[in-house]
């Protein structure tokens, strides 16, 4: 079954999970995934 994303969503559930479990800095992760560091 495919994942349904909000029209303005920029990350998938898997990407968010990877960010949450990462030991890397927020700046590094934001750059890697192309998101704003203040995005919550």
N, C-alpha and C. Protein backbone atom coordinates (compact mmCIF):
# COMPACT_ATOMS: atom_id res chain seq x y z
N UNK A 1 0.85 -1.17 0.00
CA UNK A 1 0.00 0.00 0.00
C UNK A 1 0.89 1.24 0.00
N UNK A 2 0.62 2.21 -0.84
CA UNK A 2 1.41 3.42 -0.95
C UNK A 2 1.11 4.40 0.17
N UNK A 3 2.06 5.25 0.40
CA UNK A 3 1.91 6.27 1.44
C UNK A 3 1.29 7.52 0.82
N UNK A 4 0.30 8.09 1.50
CA UNK A 4 -0.35 9.32 1.03
C UNK A 4 0.29 10.49 1.77
N UNK A 5 0.85 11.44 1.01
CA UNK A 5 1.52 12.59 1.59
C UNK A 5 0.65 13.83 1.46
N UNK A 6 0.76 14.71 2.42
CA UNK A 6 0.12 16.02 2.35
C UNK A 6 0.69 16.74 1.13
N UNK A 7 -0.06 17.60 0.51
CA UNK A 7 0.38 18.27 -0.72
C UNK A 7 1.68 19.04 -0.55
N UNK A 8 1.94 19.58 0.64
CA UNK A 8 3.17 20.35 0.85
C UNK A 8 4.24 19.58 1.62
N UNK A 9 4.01 18.29 1.85
CA UNK A 9 4.99 17.48 2.59
C UNK A 9 6.27 17.32 1.77
N UNK A 10 7.40 17.45 2.46
CA UNK A 10 8.69 17.31 1.77
C UNK A 10 9.45 16.06 2.21
N UNK A 11 8.95 15.37 3.23
CA UNK A 11 9.62 14.16 3.70
C UNK A 11 8.62 13.02 3.83
N UNK A 12 9.12 11.82 3.74
CA UNK A 12 8.29 10.64 3.94
C UNK A 12 8.42 10.19 5.39
N UNK A 13 7.61 9.27 5.79
CA UNK A 13 7.68 8.72 7.15
C UNK A 13 9.06 8.10 7.40
N UNK A 14 9.60 7.41 6.41
CA UNK A 14 10.92 6.79 6.55
C UNK A 14 12.02 7.84 6.75
N UNK A 15 11.94 8.95 6.03
CA UNK A 15 12.92 10.03 6.18
C UNK A 15 12.82 10.64 7.56
N UNK A 16 11.62 10.90 8.02
CA UNK A 16 11.44 11.48 9.36
C UNK A 16 11.98 10.54 10.43
N UNK A 17 11.75 9.25 10.28
CA UNK A 17 12.26 8.26 11.24
C UNK A 17 13.78 8.24 11.24
N UNK A 18 14.39 8.32 10.06
CA UNK A 18 15.85 8.33 9.95
C UNK A 18 16.42 9.57 10.64
N UNK A 19 15.77 10.70 10.48
CA UNK A 19 16.23 11.94 11.13
C UNK A 19 16.11 11.81 12.64
N UNK A 20 15.01 11.30 13.12
CA UNK A 20 14.78 11.18 14.56
C UNK A 20 15.78 10.26 15.23
N UNK A 21 16.24 9.23 14.53
CA UNK A 21 17.15 8.25 15.13
C UNK A 21 18.62 8.52 14.83
N UNK A 22 18.91 9.58 14.12
CA UNK A 22 20.28 9.89 13.73
C UNK A 22 21.04 10.57 14.85
N UNK A 23 22.35 10.36 14.87
CA UNK A 23 23.25 11.02 15.82
C UNK A 23 23.88 12.26 15.19
N UNK A 24 23.62 12.50 13.92
CA UNK A 24 24.21 13.64 13.21
C UNK A 24 23.54 14.95 13.62
N UNK A 25 24.22 16.06 13.36
CA UNK A 25 23.68 17.37 13.70
C UNK A 25 22.46 17.67 12.83
N UNK A 26 21.59 18.53 13.34
CA UNK A 26 20.41 18.93 12.58
C UNK A 26 20.80 19.63 11.30
N UNK A 27 21.86 20.43 11.35
CA UNK A 27 22.33 21.14 10.16
C UNK A 27 22.72 20.14 9.06
N UNK A 28 23.45 19.10 9.43
CA UNK A 28 23.88 18.08 8.46
C UNK A 28 22.68 17.34 7.88
N UNK A 29 21.76 16.96 8.74
CA UNK A 29 20.58 16.23 8.29
C UNK A 29 19.70 17.09 7.38
N UNK A 30 19.52 18.35 7.74
CA UNK A 30 18.71 19.25 6.92
C UNK A 30 19.31 19.40 5.54
N UNK A 31 20.63 19.53 5.48
CA UNK A 31 21.31 19.66 4.19
C UNK A 31 21.14 18.38 3.37
N UNK A 32 21.31 17.22 4.01
CA UNK A 32 21.20 15.94 3.31
C UNK A 32 19.81 15.73 2.72
N UNK A 33 18.77 16.06 3.48
CA UNK A 33 17.41 15.80 3.05
C UNK A 33 16.73 16.99 2.37
N UNK A 34 17.46 18.11 2.25
CA UNK A 34 16.91 19.26 1.55
C UNK A 34 15.76 19.92 2.26
N UNK A 35 15.84 19.96 3.60
CA UNK A 35 14.78 20.60 4.37
C UNK A 35 15.37 21.73 5.21
N UNK A 36 14.50 22.61 5.71
CA UNK A 36 14.93 23.71 6.55
C UNK A 36 15.20 23.20 7.95
N UNK A 37 16.28 23.64 8.56
CA UNK A 37 16.66 23.15 9.89
C UNK A 37 15.60 23.48 10.94
N UNK A 38 14.78 24.51 10.75
CA UNK A 38 13.74 24.85 11.72
C UNK A 38 12.41 24.18 11.44
N UNK A 39 12.33 23.34 10.42
CA UNK A 39 11.11 22.59 10.12
C UNK A 39 10.85 21.60 11.25
N UNK A 40 9.62 21.58 11.76
CA UNK A 40 9.27 20.67 12.85
C UNK A 40 8.31 19.63 12.38
